[in-house]
Structure formats: structure tokens, C-alpha cells
N, C-alpha and C. Protein backbone atom coordinates (compact mmCIF):
# COMPACT_ATOMS: atom_id res chain seq x y z
N MET A 1 0.81 -1.19 0.14
CA MET A 1 -0.13 -0.01 0.02
C MET A 1 0.79 1.29 -0.06
N ARG A 2 2.02 1.08 0.62
CA ARG A 2 2.91 2.37 0.66
C ARG A 2 3.46 2.72 -0.78
N ASP A 3 3.65 1.85 -1.61
CA ASP A 3 4.03 2.01 -2.92
C ASP A 3 3.09 2.97 -3.79
N LYS A 4 1.67 2.68 -3.51
CA LYS A 4 0.69 3.30 -4.24
C LYS A 4 0.70 4.97 -3.72
N ARG A 5 0.79 5.08 -2.41
CA ARG A 5 0.86 6.43 -1.80
C ARG A 5 1.92 7.04 -2.27
N ASP A 6 3.28 6.56 -2.11
CA ASP A 6 4.51 7.08 -2.79
C ASP A 6 4.21 7.55 -4.22
N LYS A 7 3.61 6.69 -4.99
CA LYS A 7 3.49 7.08 -6.53
C LYS A 7 2.41 8.13 -6.56
N PHE A 8 1.39 8.12 -5.66
CA PHE A 8 0.42 9.30 -5.90
C PHE A 8 1.21 10.63 -5.42
N VAL A 9 1.88 10.65 -4.21
CA VAL A 9 2.47 11.84 -3.85
C VAL A 9 3.55 12.39 -4.95
N GLU A 10 4.23 11.47 -5.52
CA GLU A 10 5.24 11.73 -6.64
C GLU A 10 4.62 12.54 -7.81
N LEU A 11 3.52 11.80 -8.34
CA LEU A 11 2.79 12.23 -9.36
C LEU A 11 2.03 13.49 -9.11
N ALA A 12 1.25 13.62 -8.06
CA ALA A 12 0.57 14.70 -7.48
C ALA A 12 1.47 15.93 -7.52
N GLU A 13 2.60 15.86 -6.90
CA GLU A 13 3.44 17.06 -6.63
C GLU A 13 3.98 17.43 -8.05
N ALA A 14 4.42 16.55 -9.10
CA ALA A 14 4.79 17.10 -10.17
C ALA A 14 3.76 17.57 -11.13
N ARG A 15 2.51 17.00 -11.08
CA ARG A 15 1.48 17.55 -11.96
C ARG A 15 0.90 19.02 -11.56
N VAL A 16 0.86 19.09 -10.10
CA VAL A 16 0.29 20.29 -9.57
C VAL A 16 1.20 21.30 -9.67
N ASN A 17 2.54 20.98 -9.50
CA ASN A 17 3.71 22.12 -9.85
C ASN A 17 3.62 22.58 -11.30
N ARG A 18 3.43 21.55 -12.13
CA ARG A 18 3.21 22.03 -13.71
C ARG A 18 2.28 22.77 -13.99
N ALA A 19 1.01 22.35 -13.37
CA ALA A 19 -0.27 23.10 -13.58
C ALA A 19 -0.20 24.58 -13.09
N ILE A 20 0.54 24.79 -11.87
CA ILE A 20 0.69 26.19 -11.28
C ILE A 20 1.54 27.02 -12.34
N LYS A 21 2.67 26.29 -12.81
CA LYS A 21 3.36 27.01 -13.79
C LYS A 21 2.64 27.40 -14.98
N ASP A 22 1.89 26.54 -15.47
CA ASP A 22 1.23 26.64 -16.59
C ASP A 22 0.14 27.80 -16.50
N VAL A 23 -0.57 28.03 -15.33
CA VAL A 23 -1.58 29.03 -14.87
C VAL A 23 -0.83 30.35 -14.95
N ARG A 24 0.37 30.39 -14.32
CA ARG A 24 1.27 31.57 -14.24
C ARG A 24 1.49 32.05 -15.60
N LEU A 25 1.82 31.06 -16.54
CA LEU A 25 2.18 31.43 -17.82
C LEU A 25 0.87 32.19 -18.61
N ILE A 26 -0.33 31.51 -18.34
CA ILE A 26 -1.48 32.00 -18.83
C ILE A 26 -1.76 33.36 -18.32
N GLY A 27 -1.31 33.68 -17.02
CA GLY A 27 -1.47 35.04 -16.44
C GLY A 27 -0.51 36.13 -17.18
N ASN A 28 0.57 35.64 -17.70
CA ASN A 28 1.49 36.39 -18.53
C ASN A 28 0.74 36.93 -19.78
N LEU A 29 -0.21 36.23 -20.15
CA LEU A 29 -0.96 36.85 -21.46
C LEU A 29 -1.80 38.09 -21.14
N ALA A 30 -1.99 38.54 -19.85
CA ALA A 30 -2.55 39.68 -19.63
C ALA A 30 -1.81 41.02 -20.04
N ASN A 31 -0.68 40.71 -20.45
CA ASN A 31 0.09 41.99 -20.86
C ASN A 31 -0.28 42.38 -22.06
N ARG A 32 -1.17 43.67 -22.15
CA ARG A 32 -1.77 44.23 -23.27
C ARG A 32 -0.87 44.90 -24.22
N GLY A 33 0.52 45.06 -23.78
CA GLY A 33 1.54 45.62 -24.62
C GLY A 33 1.91 44.59 -25.62
N ALA A 34 1.78 43.22 -25.35
CA ALA A 34 2.31 42.23 -26.05
C ALA A 34 1.19 41.37 -26.85
N TYR A 35 0.00 41.51 -26.25
CA TYR A 35 -1.17 40.69 -26.79
C TYR A 35 -2.45 41.46 -27.00
N ALA A 36 -3.34 41.12 -27.80
CA ALA A 36 -4.75 41.91 -27.97
C ALA A 36 -5.69 40.83 -27.72
N TYR A 37 -6.56 41.21 -26.79
CA TYR A 37 -7.80 40.25 -26.39
C TYR A 37 -8.83 41.14 -25.79
N ASP A 38 -9.97 40.51 -25.78
CA ASP A 38 -11.06 41.26 -25.11
C ASP A 38 -11.55 40.57 -23.97
N ASP A 39 -12.63 41.16 -23.13
CA ASP A 39 -13.20 40.55 -22.07
C ASP A 39 -13.75 39.19 -22.26
N ASP A 40 -14.47 38.93 -23.47
CA ASP A 40 -15.01 37.66 -23.76
C ASP A 40 -13.91 36.65 -23.89
N ASP A 41 -12.77 37.00 -24.60
CA ASP A 41 -11.62 35.91 -24.57
C ASP A 41 -11.26 35.63 -23.11
N VAL A 42 -11.11 36.38 -22.17
CA VAL A 42 -10.72 35.98 -20.87
C VAL A 42 -11.88 35.17 -20.17
N LYS A 43 -12.96 35.65 -20.30
CA LYS A 43 -14.22 34.86 -19.62
C LYS A 43 -14.14 33.40 -20.14
N LYS A 44 -13.89 33.30 -21.60
CA LYS A 44 -13.65 31.85 -22.22
C LYS A 44 -12.55 31.09 -21.63
N ILE A 45 -11.42 31.74 -21.38
CA ILE A 45 -10.19 31.00 -20.86
C ILE A 45 -10.63 30.45 -19.61
N PHE A 46 -11.00 31.48 -18.62
CA PHE A 46 -11.27 30.99 -17.20
C PHE A 46 -12.50 30.22 -17.04
N ARG A 47 -13.42 30.37 -17.90
CA ARG A 47 -14.55 29.43 -17.69
C ARG A 47 -14.16 27.81 -18.16
N ALA A 48 -13.20 27.80 -19.14
CA ALA A 48 -12.81 26.42 -19.52
C ALA A 48 -11.88 25.79 -18.45
N MET A 49 -10.93 26.68 -17.76
CA MET A 49 -10.23 26.37 -16.82
C MET A 49 -10.98 25.96 -15.57
N GLN A 50 -11.92 26.61 -15.07
CA GLN A 50 -12.92 26.35 -14.00
C GLN A 50 -13.69 24.92 -14.25
N LYS A 51 -14.04 24.81 -15.57
CA LYS A 51 -14.79 23.59 -15.75
C LYS A 51 -13.78 22.44 -15.69
N GLU A 52 -12.60 22.48 -15.96
CA GLU A 52 -11.84 21.34 -15.88
C GLU A 52 -11.45 21.07 -14.30
N LEU A 53 -11.11 22.17 -13.63
CA LEU A 53 -10.90 22.01 -12.30
C LEU A 53 -12.20 21.27 -11.54
N ASP A 54 -13.20 21.76 -11.86
CA ASP A 54 -14.60 21.19 -11.26
C ASP A 54 -14.56 19.80 -11.58
N ALA A 55 -14.32 19.34 -12.96
CA ALA A 55 -14.27 17.91 -13.42
C ALA A 55 -13.52 17.08 -12.64
N ALA A 56 -12.12 17.66 -12.44
CA ALA A 56 -11.10 16.93 -11.66
C ALA A 56 -11.43 16.72 -10.27
N LYS A 57 -11.90 17.76 -9.52
CA LYS A 57 -12.61 17.54 -8.31
C LYS A 57 -13.50 16.60 -8.16
N ALA A 58 -14.46 16.63 -9.01
CA ALA A 58 -15.66 15.60 -8.94
C ALA A 58 -15.03 14.17 -9.02
N ARG A 59 -13.99 14.10 -9.85
CA ARG A 59 -13.46 12.60 -9.85
C ARG A 59 -12.99 12.02 -8.47
N PHE A 60 -12.68 12.81 -7.75
CA PHE A 60 -12.08 12.43 -6.38
C PHE A 60 -13.17 12.36 -5.47
N THR A 61 -14.50 12.69 -5.81
CA THR A 61 -15.65 12.29 -5.01
C THR A 61 -16.37 11.06 -5.61
N GLY A 62 -15.88 10.58 -6.81
CA GLY A 62 -16.48 9.34 -7.33
C GLY A 62 -17.48 9.79 -8.64
N ASP A 63 -17.55 11.08 -8.81
CA ASP A 63 -18.46 11.45 -10.05
C ASP A 63 -17.45 11.42 -11.25
N THR A 64 -17.72 10.48 -12.04
CA THR A 64 -16.82 10.44 -13.45
C THR A 64 -17.50 10.89 -14.73
N GLY A 65 -17.61 12.02 -14.82
CA GLY A 65 -18.30 12.72 -16.05
C GLY A 65 -17.28 12.55 -17.36
N GLY A 66 -17.88 12.60 -18.38
CA GLY A 66 -17.29 12.38 -19.70
C GLY A 66 -16.11 13.47 -19.87
N LYS A 67 -15.31 13.29 -20.90
CA LYS A 67 -14.28 14.23 -21.28
C LYS A 67 -14.87 15.16 -22.38
N ASP A 68 -14.51 16.41 -22.29
CA ASP A 68 -14.71 17.16 -23.55
C ASP A 68 -13.64 17.37 -24.37
N ASN A 69 -13.83 18.11 -25.39
CA ASN A 69 -12.71 18.33 -26.46
C ASN A 69 -11.89 19.41 -25.87
N GLU A 70 -10.64 19.63 -26.49
CA GLU A 70 -9.61 20.61 -26.23
C GLU A 70 -10.30 21.93 -26.11
N PHE A 71 -9.72 22.79 -25.39
CA PHE A 71 -10.08 24.21 -25.50
C PHE A 71 -9.77 24.95 -26.60
N LYS A 72 -10.71 25.69 -27.24
CA LYS A 72 -10.39 26.51 -28.30
C LYS A 72 -11.08 28.00 -28.09
N LEU A 73 -10.10 29.05 -28.38
CA LEU A 73 -10.69 30.29 -27.98
C LEU A 73 -11.61 30.77 -29.22
N ILE A 74 -11.28 30.34 -30.28
CA ILE A 74 -12.12 30.85 -31.56
C ILE A 74 -12.85 29.63 -32.13
């Protein structure tokens, strides 16, 4: 049983740290000097991210919903 726990900890730490890094990179897109976007784009990005967070959280409580397609802004 300890091997399963060790593997979970190893993968969880790596994946969460990678997700945090990627979220920070998404935050870098807020630089209006380098990028052009509107409020609707921002809403779509964060709605998609929240939807995936909610789906991942639900899987830990036993709710196994279906997978959606990749995020597309346009």
C-alpha cells in the first residue's frame, strides 16, 4: 500500500507544480503591450479552466463525467 501512496505523492506534486507553472504562464497573457484580447476571451479562458478544475475535483468524489474536447478560443 505504501508504494501506491508514494506514487500518488510523486505524481501529484509533479502535476500540480506543472499546472501552477502553466497557470502563471496564462497570467502572462494579460500583458496588453504584447497581446490583443477582449473581455470575452478572458471569460472563455477562465470558464474552460474552472470547468476542468470542477471535473477533476468531482473525480475525487466518485463522479466520473465524460471528457470534453480541447479548449479553443475561436
